[in-house]
Amino acid sequence: MDTNTLIERLQAAYHAPAAQEFDAAVRLDLGNQTDVILRVHHGSLELQPAAEEDHTDFTLYFTDAEQALALLTGKADPVAAFMAHEFRADGYLILVFSVLAMFR
């Protein structure tokens, strides 16, 4: 799956009520693919391919776009992926769970 397809599918799966209190920018690191920046400001979602200079509050690391979509939309278990060293974050564990809730 390419980055643009991931963006389209995440936009379609987005559940704004789960993000009303969220205000952050998150880098979705997709391994060898182009990263995606996810910006949410009180329910408003913006997704775009990442640029080097983009500021984010934290990063979620995935093996690829397929895994990112599966984990974010609840089709794969984030705890199992974490235990298998296939999914991680560089901080803000509470915000990670908030991001996971936005697309389920």
Protein backbone atom coordinates (compact mmCIF):
# COMPACT_ATOMS: atom_id res chain seq x y z
CA MET A 1 0.00 0.00 0.00
CA ASP A 2 1.34 3.44 -0.85
CA THR A 3 1.28 6.48 1.43
CA ASN A 4 -1.62 8.19 -0.37
CA THR A 5 -3.80 5.08 -0.04
CA LEU A 6 -3.01 4.94 3.68
CA ILE A 7 -4.00 8.59 4.04
CA GLU A 8 -7.30 8.00 2.20
CA ARG A 9 -8.16 4.96 4.30
CA LEU A 10 -7.31 6.68 7.57
CA GLN A 11 -9.45 9.69 6.60
CA ALA A 12 -12.35 7.34 5.87
CA ALA A 13 -11.93 5.54 9.22
CA TYR A 14 -11.51 8.71 11.30
CA HIS A 15 -13.94 9.10 14.20
CA ALA A 16 -13.91 12.80 15.17
CA PRO A 17 -15.78 12.45 18.50
CA ALA A 18 -12.86 10.36 19.82
CA ALA A 19 -10.49 13.26 19.10
CA GLN A 20 -12.33 16.24 20.56
CA GLU A 21 -9.80 16.77 23.35
CA PHE A 22 -6.73 15.87 21.28
CA ASP A 23 -4.38 18.57 20.03
CA ALA A 24 -1.10 17.23 18.64
CA ALA A 25 0.93 16.36 15.58
CA VAL A 26 2.08 12.76 15.21
CA ARG A 27 4.61 11.34 12.77
CA LEU A 28 3.66 7.91 11.46
CA ASP A 29 7.00 6.34 10.57
CA LEU A 30 6.25 3.70 7.93
CA GLY A 31 9.64 2.01 7.75
CA ASN A 32 11.06 2.40 4.24
CA GLN A 33 8.00 4.29 2.96
CA THR A 34 7.28 8.00 3.12
CA ASP A 35 6.22 9.01 6.63
CA VAL A 36 2.82 10.57 7.26
CA ILE A 37 2.04 13.53 9.52
CA LEU A 38 -1.23 13.25 11.42
CA ARG A 39 -2.40 16.57 12.89
CA VAL A 40 -5.49 16.73 15.05
CA HIS A 41 -6.80 19.90 16.58
CA HIS A 42 -9.97 19.45 18.66
CA GLY A 43 -11.53 16.95 16.28
CA SER A 44 -10.22 18.38 13.01
CA LEU A 45 -7.96 15.94 11.14
CA GLU A 46 -5.18 16.71 8.67
CA LEU A 47 -3.09 13.94 7.12
CA GLN A 48 -0.25 14.51 4.66
CA PRO A 49 3.06 13.02 3.55
CA ALA A 50 5.81 14.14 5.93
CA ALA A 51 8.60 16.56 5.20
CA GLU A 52 11.90 16.54 7.09
CA GLU A 53 11.19 19.87 8.77
CA ASP A 54 7.72 18.91 10.08
CA HIS A 55 7.48 19.36 13.85
CA THR A 56 5.65 16.62 15.70
CA ASP A 57 4.89 15.91 19.33
CA PHE A 58 5.75 12.22 19.06
CA THR A 59 6.33 9.43 16.55
CA LEU A 60 4.65 6.06 16.07
CA TYR A 61 6.89 3.49 14.37
CA PHE A 62 5.39 0.82 12.11
CA THR A 63 6.97 -1.76 9.81
CA ASP A 64 4.97 -0.48 6.80
CA ALA A 65 1.74 1.24 5.75
CA GLU A 66 -0.30 -1.99 5.84
CA GLN A 67 0.64 -2.58 9.45
CA ALA A 68 -0.09 1.06 10.34
CA LEU A 69 -3.59 0.78 8.88
CA ALA A 70 -4.27 -2.55 10.60
CA LEU A 71 -3.12 -1.30 14.01
CA LEU A 72 -4.78 2.11 13.82
CA THR A 73 -8.13 0.73 12.67
CA GLY A 74 -8.23 -2.10 15.21
CA LYS A 75 -7.71 -4.97 12.78
CA ALA A 76 -4.43 -5.92 14.49
CA ASP A 77 -3.49 -6.03 18.16
CA PRO A 78 -1.15 -3.17 19.14
CA VAL A 79 0.01 -4.95 22.30
CA ALA A 80 0.98 -8.08 20.33
CA ALA A 81 2.78 -5.92 17.74
CA PHE A 82 4.60 -4.07 20.52
CA MET A 83 5.67 -7.34 22.18
CA ALA A 84 6.96 -8.58 18.80
CA HIS A 85 9.01 -5.34 18.40
CA GLU A 86 6.94 -4.38 15.35
CA PHE A 87 5.28 -1.29 16.79
CA ARG A 88 6.61 1.37 19.14
CA ALA A 89 6.36 5.02 20.08
CA ASP A 90 8.94 7.53 21.19
CA GLY A 91 6.88 8.65 24.18
CA TYR A 92 3.49 9.86 25.40
CA LEU A 93 1.87 6.48 25.93
CA ILE A 94 -1.47 8.03 26.87
CA LEU A 95 -1.53 9.92 23.56
CA VAL A 96 -0.73 6.70 21.68
CA PHE A 97 -3.95 5.17 22.99
CA SER A 98 -5.83 8.33 22.00
CA VAL A 99 -4.54 8.02 18.42
CA LEU A 100 -5.53 4.35 18.33
CA ALA A 101 -9.08 5.27 19.42
CA MET A 102 -9.53 7.87 16.66
CA PHE A 103 -9.77 5.32 13.84
CA ARG A 104 -11.77 2.51 15.44
